[in-house]
Amino acid sequence: MKAGDLVKWTIAKTSPTINPDNNYHIGILLYPEVVPAGSWTIMLCKDGSEVHGDITEIEVISECR
């Protein structure tokens, strides 16, 4: 994963209470975060807001060149 990659971000992917319907958002990776390792700040395409995504919540759709 690298900055600029198009990703699918699913918060609490495995939680039956926080996100039981597995709703997701499309976004672009902005920059890696220090804690936890492998997490990123993601800009959501729908409104430009920034969210923190853990490595377990991020799936790359298309890599940036």
PDB file of N, CA and C in Angstrom:
ATOM      1  N   MET A   1       0.840  -1.174   0.000  1.00  0.00           N
ATOM      2  CA  MET A   1       0.000   0.000   0.000  1.00  0.00           C
ATOM      3  C   MET A   1       0.890   1.244   0.000  1.00  0.00           C
ATOM      4  N   LYS A   2       0.406   2.240  -0.746  1.00  0.00           N
ATOM      5  CA  LYS A   2       1.139   3.509  -0.771  1.00  0.00           C
ATOM      6  C   LYS A   2       0.158   4.662  -0.961  1.00  0.00           C
ATOM      7  N   ALA A   3       0.634   5.854  -0.628  1.00  0.00           N
ATOM      8  CA  ALA A   3      -0.209   7.045  -0.753  1.00  0.00           C
ATOM      9  C   ALA A   3      -0.735   7.157  -2.180  1.00  0.00           C
ATOM     10  N   GLY A   4      -2.014   7.464  -2.310  1.00  0.00           N
ATOM     11  CA  GLY A   4      -2.648   7.605  -3.614  1.00  0.00           C
ATOM     12  C   GLY A   4      -3.432   6.381  -4.052  1.00  0.00           C
ATOM     13  N   ASP A   5      -3.239   5.249  -3.383  1.00  0.00           N
ATOM     14  CA  ASP A   5      -3.984   4.042  -3.737  1.00  0.00           C
ATOM     15  C   ASP A   5      -5.474   4.239  -3.457  1.00  0.00           C
ATOM     16  N   LEU A   6      -6.309   3.717  -4.336  1.00  0.00           N
ATOM     17  CA  LEU A   6      -7.756   3.720  -4.156  1.00  0.00           C
ATOM     18  C   LEU A   6      -8.109   2.505  -3.312  1.00  0.00           C
ATOM     19  N   VAL A   7      -8.858   2.715  -2.221  1.00  0.00           N
ATOM     20  CA  VAL A   7      -9.143   1.621  -1.300  1.00  0.00           C
ATOM     21  C   VAL A   7     -10.617   1.533  -0.919  1.00  0.00           C
ATOM     22  N   LYS A   8     -10.967   0.363  -0.432  1.00  0.00           N
ATOM     23  CA  LYS A   8     -12.279   0.124   0.162  1.00  0.00           C
ATOM     24  C   LYS A   8     -12.025   0.038   1.667  1.00  0.00           C
ATOM     25  N   TRP A   9     -12.683   0.907   2.446  1.00  0.00           N
ATOM     26  CA  TRP A   9     -12.485   0.945   3.889  1.00  0.00           C
ATOM     27  C   TRP A   9     -13.766   0.457   4.561  1.00  0.00           C
ATOM     28  N   THR A  10     -13.652  -0.626   5.324  1.00  0.00           N
ATOM     29  CA  THR A  10     -14.786  -1.200   6.039  1.00  0.00           C
ATOM     30  C   THR A  10     -14.492  -1.135   7.527  1.00  0.00           C
ATOM     31  N   ILE A  11     -15.160  -0.247   8.227  1.00  0.00           N
ATOM     32  CA  ILE A  11     -14.921  -0.119   9.667  1.00  0.00           C
ATOM     33  C   ILE A  11     -15.465  -1.344  10.396  1.00  0.00           C
ATOM     34  N   ALA A  12     -14.696  -1.842  11.344  1.00  0.00           N
ATOM     35  CA  ALA A  12     -15.097  -2.981  12.186  1.00  0.00           C
ATOM     36  C   ALA A  12     -15.656  -4.129  11.350  1.00  0.00           C
ATOM     37  N   LYS A  13     -14.866  -4.573  10.404  1.00  0.00           N
ATOM     38  CA  LYS A  13     -15.270  -5.610   9.442  1.00  0.00           C
ATOM     39  C   LYS A  13     -15.907  -6.841  10.073  1.00  0.00           C
ATOM     40  N   THR A  14     -15.385  -7.278  11.194  1.00  0.00           N
ATOM     41  CA  THR A  14     -15.857  -8.533  11.793  1.00  0.00           C
ATOM     42  C   THR A  14     -16.795  -8.340  12.975  1.00  0.00           C
ATOM     43  N   SER A  15     -17.197  -7.106  13.250  1.00  0.00           N
ATOM     44  CA  SER A  15     -18.044  -6.841  14.413  1.00  0.00           C
ATOM     45  C   SER A  15     -19.529  -7.008  14.086  1.00  0.00           C
ATOM     46  N   PRO A  16     -20.213  -7.886  14.805  1.00  0.00           N
ATOM     47  CA  PRO A  16     -21.651  -8.056  14.582  1.00  0.00           C
ATOM     48  C   PRO A  16     -22.487  -6.922  15.172  1.00  0.00           C
ATOM     49  N   THR A  17     -21.879  -6.066  16.004  1.00  0.00           N
ATOM     50  CA  THR A  17     -22.645  -4.978  16.622  1.00  0.00           C
ATOM     51  C   THR A  17     -22.322  -3.606  16.043  1.00  0.00           C
ATOM     52  N   ILE A  18     -21.056  -3.323  15.738  1.00  0.00           N
ATOM     53  CA  ILE A  18     -20.678  -2.002  15.234  1.00  0.00           C
ATOM     54  C   ILE A  18     -21.030  -1.832  13.758  1.00  0.00           C
ATOM     55  N   ASN A  19     -20.776  -2.856  12.959  1.00  0.00           N
ATOM     56  CA  ASN A  19     -21.058  -2.780  11.521  1.00  0.00           C
ATOM     57  C   ASN A  19     -21.627  -4.121  11.032  1.00  0.00           C
ATOM     58  N   PRO A  20     -22.821  -4.478  11.473  1.00  0.00           N
ATOM     59  CA  PRO A  20     -23.383  -5.792  11.129  1.00  0.00           C
ATOM     60  C   PRO A  20     -23.648  -5.985   9.634  1.00  0.00           C
ATOM     61  N   ASP A  21     -23.855  -4.896   8.893  1.00  0.00           N
ATOM     62  CA  ASP A  21     -24.142  -5.012   7.461  1.00  0.00           C
ATOM     63  C   ASP A  21     -22.887  -4.910   6.596  1.00  0.00           C
ATOM     64  N   ASN A  22     -21.713  -4.782   7.235  1.00  0.00           N
ATOM     65  CA  ASN A  22     -20.441  -4.642   6.508  1.00  0.00           C
ATOM     66  C   ASN A  22     -20.470  -3.481   5.516  1.00  0.00           C
ATOM     67  N   ASN A  23     -21.010  -2.345   5.937  1.00  0.00           N
ATOM     68  CA  ASN A  23     -21.003  -1.143   5.094  1.00  0.00           C
ATOM     69  C   ASN A  23     -19.568  -0.683   4.897  1.00  0.00           C
ATOM     70  N   TYR A  24     -19.275  -0.155   3.725  1.00  0.00           N
ATOM     71  CA  TYR A  24     -17.917   0.283   3.425  1.00  0.00           C
ATOM     72  C   TYR A  24     -17.943   1.625   2.711  1.00  0.00           C
ATOM     73  N   HIS A  25     -16.768   2.243   2.606  1.00  0.00           N
ATOM     74  CA  HIS A  25     -16.592   3.521   1.922  1.00  0.00           C
ATOM     75  C   HIS A  25     -15.389   3.405   0.989  1.00  0.00           C
ATOM     76  N   ILE A  26     -15.404   4.153  -0.083  1.00  0.00           N
ATOM     77  CA  ILE A  26     -14.288   4.209  -1.019  1.00  0.00           C
ATOM     78  C   ILE A  26     -13.464   5.453  -0.670  1.00  0.00           C
ATOM     79  N   GLY A  27     -12.150   5.286  -0.684  1.00  0.00           N
ATOM     80  CA  GLY A  27     -11.291   6.408  -0.339  1.00  0.00           C
ATOM     81  C   GLY A  27      -9.909   6.289  -0.953  1.00  0.00           C
ATOM     82  N   ILE A  28      -9.072   7.265  -0.637  1.00  0.00           N
ATOM     83  CA  ILE A  28      -7.703   7.311  -1.145  1.00  0.00           C
ATOM     84  C   ILE A  28      -6.758   7.394   0.044  1.00  0.00           C
ATOM     85  N   LEU A  29      -5.724   6.538   0.031  1.00  0.00           N
ATOM     86  CA  LEU A  29      -4.742   6.563   1.109  1.00  0.00           C
ATOM     87  C   LEU A  29      -3.958   7.870   1.052  1.00  0.00           C
ATOM     88  N   LEU A  30      -3.872   8.564   2.194  1.00  0.00           N
ATOM     89  CA  LEU A  30      -3.127   9.812   2.252  1.00  0.00           C
ATOM     90  C   LEU A  30      -1.728   9.612   2.816  1.00  0.00           C
ATOM     91  N   TYR A  31      -1.642   9.077   4.029  1.00  0.00           N
ATOM     92  CA  TYR A  31      -0.328   8.859   4.639  1.00  0.00           C
ATOM     93  C   TYR A  31      -0.442   7.788   5.724  1.00  0.00           C
ATOM     94  N   PRO A  32       0.665   7.052   5.925  1.00  0.00           N
ATOM     95  CA  PRO A  32       0.657   6.013   6.960  1.00  0.00           C
ATOM     96  C   PRO A  32       0.686   6.614   8.358  1.00  0.00           C
ATOM     97  N   GLU A  33       0.104   5.919   9.300  1.00  0.00           N
ATOM     98  CA  GLU A  33       0.105   6.320  10.711  1.00  0.00           C
ATOM     99  C   GLU A  33       1.125   5.465  11.463  1.00  0.00           C
ATOM    100  N   VAL A  34       1.626   5.980  12.567  1.00  0.00           N
ATOM    101  CA  VAL A  34       2.621   5.252  13.356  1.00  0.00           C
ATOM    102  C   VAL A  34       1.967   4.148  14.185  1.00  0.00           C
ATOM    103  N   VAL A  35       0.825   4.464  14.796  1.00  0.00           N
ATOM    104  CA  VAL A  35       0.149   3.508  15.677  1.00  0.00           C
ATOM    105  C   VAL A  35      -1.293   3.333  15.236  1.00  0.00           C
ATOM    106  N   PRO A  36      -1.801   2.131  15.133  1.00  0.00           N
ATOM    107  CA  PRO A  36      -1.054   0.891  15.128  1.00  0.00           C
ATOM    108  C   PRO A  36      -0.308   0.711  13.810  1.00  0.00           C
ATOM    109  N   ALA A  37       0.690  -0.128  13.843  1.00  0.00           N
ATOM    110  CA  ALA A  37       1.494  -0.387  12.646  1.00  0.00           C
ATOM    111  C   ALA A  37       0.600  -0.833  11.493  1.00  0.00           C
ATOM    112  N   GLY A  38       0.855  -0.287  10.316  1.00  0.00           N
ATOM    113  CA  GLY A  38       0.084  -0.669   9.131  1.00  0.00           C
ATOM    114  C   GLY A  38      -1.197   0.122   8.927  1.00  0.00           C
ATOM    115  N   SER A  39      -1.477   1.076   9.797  1.00  0.00           N
ATOM    116  CA  SER A  39      -2.702   1.856   9.635  1.00  0.00           C
ATOM    117  C   SER A  39      -2.423   3.106   8.796  1.00  0.00           C
ATOM    118  N   TRP A  40      -3.501   3.673   8.254  1.00  0.00           N
ATOM    119  CA  TRP A  40      -3.401   4.809   7.329  1.00  0.00           C
ATOM    120  C   TRP A  40      -4.460   5.855   7.630  1.00  0.00           C
ATOM    121  N   THR A  41      -4.198   7.078   7.200  1.00  0.00           N
ATOM    122  CA  THR A  41      -5.230   8.099   7.127  1.00  0.00           C
ATOM    123  C   THR A  41      -5.781   8.019   5.712  1.00  0.00           C
ATOM    124  N   ILE A  42      -7.101   7.977   5.610  1.00  0.00           N
ATOM    125  CA  ILE A  42      -7.794   7.797   4.333  1.00  0.00           C
ATOM    126  C   ILE A  42      -8.720   8.978   4.099  1.00  0.00           C
ATOM    127  N   MET A  43      -8.696   9.522   2.883  1.00  0.00           N
ATOM    128  CA  MET A  43      -9.650  10.561   2.507  1.00  0.00           C
ATOM    129  C   MET A  43     -10.812   9.878   1.800  1.00  0.00           C
ATOM    130  N   LEU A  44     -12.009  10.034   2.347  1.00  0.00           N
ATOM    131  CA  LEU A  44     -13.186   9.411   1.748  1.00  0.00           C
ATOM    132  C   LEU A  44     -13.629  10.176   0.507  1.00  0.00           C
ATOM    133  N   CYS A  45     -13.942   9.444  -0.542  1.00  0.00           N
ATOM    134  CA  CYS A  45     -14.323  10.063  -1.821  1.00  0.00           C
ATOM    135  C   CYS A  45     -15.679  10.761  -1.748  1.00  0.00           C
ATOM    136  N   LYS A  46     -16.572  10.288  -0.894  1.00  0.00           N
ATOM    137  CA  LYS A  46     -17.932  10.851  -0.865  1.00  0.00           C
ATOM    138  C   LYS A  46     -17.981  12.295  -0.381  1.00  0.00           C
ATOM    139  N   ASP A  47     -17.087  12.665   0.572  1.00  0.00           N
ATOM    140  CA  ASP A  47     -17.171  14.024   1.110  1.00  0.00           C
ATOM    141  C   ASP A  47     -15.818  14.640   1.473  1.00  0.00           C
ATOM    142  N   GLY A  48     -14.737  13.932   1.218  1.00  0.00           N
ATOM    143  CA  GLY A  48     -13.410  14.475   1.481  1.00  0.00           C
ATOM    144  C   GLY A  48     -12.969  14.422   2.932  1.00  0.00           C
ATOM    145  N   SER A  49     -13.794  13.817   3.789  1.00  0.00           N
ATOM    146  CA  SER A  49     -13.405  13.726   5.198  1.00  0.00           C
ATOM    147  C   SER A  49     -12.270  12.714   5.356  1.00  0.00           C
ATOM    148  N   GLU A  50     -11.503  12.885   6.423  1.00  0.00           N
ATOM    149  CA  GLU A  50     -10.376  11.995   6.688  1.00  0.00           C
ATOM    150  C   GLU A  50     -10.707  11.078   7.850  1.00  0.00           C
ATOM    151  N   VAL A  51     -10.358   9.793   7.695  1.00  0.00           N
ATOM    152  CA  VAL A  51     -10.596   8.794   8.737  1.00  0.00           C
ATOM    153  C   VAL A  51      -9.315   7.995   8.955  1.00  0.00           C
ATOM    154  N   HIS A  52      -9.235   7.359  10.101  1.00  0.00           N
ATOM    155  CA  HIS A  52      -8.109   6.477  10.413  1.00  0.00           C
ATOM    156  C   HIS A  52      -8.546   5.058  10.094  1.00  0.00           C
ATOM    157  N   GLY A  53      -7.743   4.329   9.328  1.00  0.00           N
ATOM    158  CA  GLY A  53      -8.074   2.960   8.981  1.00  0.00           C
ATOM    159  C   GLY A  53      -6.975   1.999   9.377  1.00  0.00           C
ATOM    160  N   ASP A  54      -7.339   0.969  10.112  1.00  0.00           N
ATOM    161  CA  ASP A  54      -6.412  -0.080  10.498  1.00  0.00           C
ATOM    162  C   ASP A  54      -6.194  -1.007   9.300  1.00  0.00           C
ATOM    163  N   ILE A  55      -5.059  -1.658   9.262  1.00  0.00           N
ATOM    164  CA  ILE A  55      -4.717  -2.554   8.142  1.00  0.00           C
ATOM    165  C   ILE A  55      -5.805  -3.606   7.895  1.00  0.00           C
ATOM    166  N   THR A  56      -6.499  -4.031   8.947  1.00  0.00           N
ATOM    167  CA  THR A  56      -7.547  -5.053   8.793  1.00  0.00           C
ATOM    168  C   THR A  56      -8.813  -4.498   8.155  1.00  0.00           C
ATOM    169  N   GLU A  57      -8.933  -3.156   8.073  1.00  0.00           N
ATOM    170  CA  GLU A  57     -10.135  -2.524   7.517  1.00  0.00           C
ATOM    171  C   GLU A  57      -9.948  -2.021   6.086  1.00  0.00           C
ATOM    172  N   ILE A  58      -8.733  -2.159   5.558  1.00  0.00           N
ATOM    173  CA  ILE A  58      -8.395  -1.568   4.256  1.00  0.00           C
ATOM    174  C   ILE A  58      -8.157  -2.644   3.205  1.00  0.00           C
ATOM    175  N   GLU A  59      -8.784  -2.460   2.050  1.00  0.00           N
ATOM    176  CA  GLU A  59      -8.580  -3.361   0.911  1.00  0.00           C
ATOM    177  C   GLU A  59      -8.259  -2.497  -0.312  1.00  0.00           C
ATOM    178  N   VAL A  60      -7.116  -2.746  -0.955  1.00  0.00           N
ATOM    179  CA  VAL A  60      -6.719  -1.958  -2.117  1.00  0.00           C
ATOM    180  C   VAL A  60      -7.570  -2.354  -3.316  1.00  0.00           C
ATOM    181  N   ILE A  61      -8.158  -1.357  -3.958  1.00  0.00           N
ATOM    182  CA  ILE A  61      -8.936  -1.563  -5.190  1.00  0.00           C
ATOM    183  C   ILE A  61      -8.040  -1.351  -6.401  1.00  0.00           C
ATOM    184  N   SER A  62      -7.287  -0.266  -6.368  1.00  0.00           N
ATOM    185  CA  SER A  62      -6.399   0.075  -7.489  1.00  0.00           C
ATOM    186  C   SER A  62      -5.148   0.787  -6.956  1.00  0.00           C
ATOM    187  N   GLU A  63      -3.990   0.302  -7.358  1.00  0.00           N
ATOM    188  CA  GLU A  63      -2.738   0.905  -6.908  1.00  0.00           C
ATOM    189  C   GLU A  63      -2.406   2.142  -7.730  1.00  0.00           C
ATOM    190  N   CYS A  64      -1.855   3.136  -7.044  1.00  0.00           N
ATOM    191  CA  CYS A  64      -1.378   4.345  -7.706  1.00  0.00           C
ATOM    192  C   CYS A  64      -0.072   4.018  -8.424  1.00  0.00           C
ATOM    193  N   ARG A  65       0.170   4.653  -9.556  1.00  0.00           N
ATOM    194  CA  ARG A  65       1.416   4.360 -10.293  1.00  0.00           C
ATOM    195  C   ARG A  65       2.595   5.029  -9.681  1.00  0.00           C
TER     196      ARG A  65
END
